[in-house]
Protein backbone atom coordinates (compact mmCIF):
# COMPACT_ATOMS: atom_id res chain seq x y z
CA LYS A 1 90.32 106.44 127.24
CA GLN A 2 91.68 109.97 126.91
CA SER A 3 93.23 109.10 123.54
CA VAL A 4 92.69 109.53 119.84
CA LEU A 5 93.21 107.04 117.06
CA SER A 6 95.62 108.01 114.30
CA VAL A 7 95.49 106.22 110.96
CA ARG A 8 98.39 106.66 108.59
CA ARG A 9 97.36 107.33 105.02
CA ASP A 10 100.53 105.74 103.63
CA THR A 11 100.46 102.41 105.53
CA PHE A 12 96.94 102.42 107.07
CA GLU A 13 98.58 101.62 110.41
CA LYS A 14 96.31 102.50 113.32
CA THR A 15 97.88 103.85 116.49
CA PRO A 16 96.21 105.19 119.62
CA LEU A 17 97.75 108.44 120.85
CA PRO A 18 97.14 109.76 124.38
CA LEU A 19 95.56 113.21 124.57
CA GLU A 20 98.24 114.28 127.00
CA GLY A 21 101.23 115.26 124.90
CA LEU A 22 99.25 114.84 121.66
CA GLU A 23 100.95 117.74 119.90
CA GLY A 24 104.43 116.27 120.44
CA ALA A 25 103.29 112.75 119.53
CA VAL A 26 101.76 113.98 116.27
CA GLU A 27 104.91 115.92 115.43
CA LEU A 28 107.06 112.82 116.00
CA LEU A 29 104.67 110.69 113.96
CA LEU A 30 104.76 113.16 111.07
CA HIS A 31 108.57 113.16 111.09
CA ARG A 32 108.57 109.35 111.09
CA ILE A 33 106.12 109.27 108.18
CA GLN A 34 108.25 111.76 106.23
CA ASP A 35 111.43 109.74 106.83
CA GLU A 36 109.80 106.46 105.80
CA MET A 37 108.21 107.96 102.68
CA LEU A 38 111.54 109.49 101.65
CA ILE A 39 113.30 106.13 102.04
CA ARG A 40 110.65 104.40 99.90
CA ALA A 41 110.74 107.16 97.26
CA ARG A 42 114.54 107.02 96.98
CA ALA A 43 114.47 103.22 96.65
CA THR A 44 111.80 103.41 93.95
CA MET A 45 113.76 106.06 92.06
CA GLN A 46 116.96 104.01 92.19
CA GLU A 47 115.08 100.97 90.87
CA ARG A 48 113.94 103.09 87.93
CA VAL A 49 117.39 104.34 86.80
CA ARG A 50 119.00 102.32 84.01
CA MET A 51 122.62 102.73 82.91
CA VAL A 52 122.46 103.03 79.11
CA LEU A 53 125.65 102.88 77.07
CA ARG A 54 124.15 102.29 73.59
CA TRP A 55 121.40 104.20 71.79
CA GLU A 56 119.65 100.89 71.01
CA ASP A 57 118.97 100.50 74.74
CA PHE A 58 117.83 104.10 75.36
CA VAL A 59 114.22 103.99 74.13
CA PRO A 60 113.52 100.52 75.60
CA ALA A 61 114.64 101.85 79.01
CA LEU A 62 112.24 104.78 78.65
CA ASN A 63 109.45 102.49 77.47
CA SER A 64 109.82 100.45 80.66
CA LYS A 65 109.04 103.67 82.60
CA CYS A 66 112.65 104.10 83.67
CA MET A 67 115.08 106.98 83.49
CA ALA A 68 118.25 106.51 81.46
CA MET A 69 121.69 107.43 82.81
CA ILE A 70 123.84 108.07 79.75
CA PRO A 71 127.30 109.41 78.91
CA TRP A 72 126.45 112.78 77.36
CA CYS A 73 128.27 115.54 75.50
CA GLU A 74 126.08 118.28 77.10
CA ARG A 75 125.41 119.97 73.76
CA ASP A 76 122.01 121.65 73.31
CA GLU A 77 121.63 120.33 69.77
CA CYS A 78 122.28 116.79 71.02
CA GLU A 79 119.51 117.13 73.61
CA GLU A 80 117.14 118.30 70.87
CA GLN A 81 118.10 115.26 68.77
CA ILE A 82 117.53 112.94 71.75
CA LYS A 83 114.09 114.45 72.25
CA ALA A 84 113.24 114.09 68.55
CA ARG A 85 114.61 110.53 68.19
CA SER A 86 112.85 109.22 71.28
CA THR A 87 109.29 110.31 70.44
CA ARG A 88 106.79 107.61 69.56
CA ASP A 89 106.26 109.18 66.11
CA ALA A 90 109.99 109.09 65.29
CA ARG A 91 110.18 105.43 66.32
CA GLY A 92 106.96 104.42 64.57
CA ASP A 93 105.83 102.73 67.80
CA GLU A 94 102.33 101.99 68.88
CA PRO A 95 101.78 102.52 72.59
CA GLU A 96 101.36 99.42 74.74
CA ASP A 97 99.16 101.50 76.98
CA GLU A 98 96.95 104.37 75.82
CA LYS A 99 98.33 106.46 78.72
CA GLU A 100 101.93 105.99 77.54
CA PRO A 101 103.43 109.36 76.66
CA SER A 102 104.38 110.10 73.08
CA MET A 103 106.85 112.91 73.83
CA GLY A 104 110.57 112.46 73.67
CA ALA A 105 113.04 112.29 76.50
CA LYS A 106 114.60 115.36 78.08
CA SER A 107 117.56 115.87 80.35
CA LEU A 108 116.56 115.79 83.99
CA CYS A 109 119.88 116.51 85.69
CA LEU A 110 123.62 116.06 85.78
CA PRO A 111 123.96 114.02 88.99
CA MET A 112 126.34 115.50 91.53
CA GLN A 113 127.51 111.97 92.34
CA GLN A 114 128.58 110.67 88.96
CA PRO A 115 128.59 106.89 88.41
CA ALA A 116 132.07 105.43 88.87
CA GLU A 117 131.48 102.43 86.61
CA PRO A 118 132.08 102.67 83.80
CA PRO A 119 134.06 105.87 84.22
CA ILE A 120 133.92 108.76 81.77
CA VAL A 121 137.33 108.66 80.08
CA PRO A 122 138.11 111.99 78.36
CA GLY A 123 138.63 111.47 74.64
CA GLN A 124 137.38 107.87 74.79
CA THR A 125 133.87 107.80 76.27
CA LYS A 126 131.35 108.88 73.64
CA CYS A 127 127.89 110.39 73.91
CA VAL A 128 125.27 107.69 73.42
CA GLN A 129 123.28 109.77 70.93
CA CYS A 130 125.77 111.68 68.78
CA GLY A 131 129.18 110.07 69.28
CA HIS A 132 130.93 113.27 70.45
CA ASP A 133 133.16 113.09 73.51
CA ALA A 134 131.05 112.65 76.64
CA LYS A 135 131.66 115.12 79.44
CA ARG A 136 129.54 113.60 82.21
CA TYR A 137 126.68 111.25 82.87
CA ALA A 138 123.24 112.77 82.57
CA LEU A 139 119.86 111.46 83.60
CA PHE A 140 117.19 111.51 80.87
CA GLY A 141 113.54 110.67 81.14
CA ARG A 142 110.01 111.33 80.01
CA SER A 143 107.34 113.26 81.82
CA TYR A 144 104.28 111.21 82.74
């Protein structure tokens, strides 16, 4: 048939590709796979980000394998306290799953696109962990 059969590892979709122009067809297919995987990865990440405005909600968000978007003061000592307070030992928790990590949360990034709601109001919005004035939202999470 002068063709080859391609099978995608991400969707298991089988597609015959003609031998003539195979190089270009494979290149297009790889770009399509990359685009589709990126869309799925971004959607999954967005589903796993929780807006957390109270410390009481911080650890439960992490325990549900989510990242926590919090108003944060950006102080190093505050990050160390977040890490210490969110470990399993500090909470006295037993893991639901033996594979659940015991380490505390760490800052992942200060998103370039800051959440608009609720806004960070200088002098009013407080850091979730320490109560100092929050400067920006930060994304915290655990490594798995």
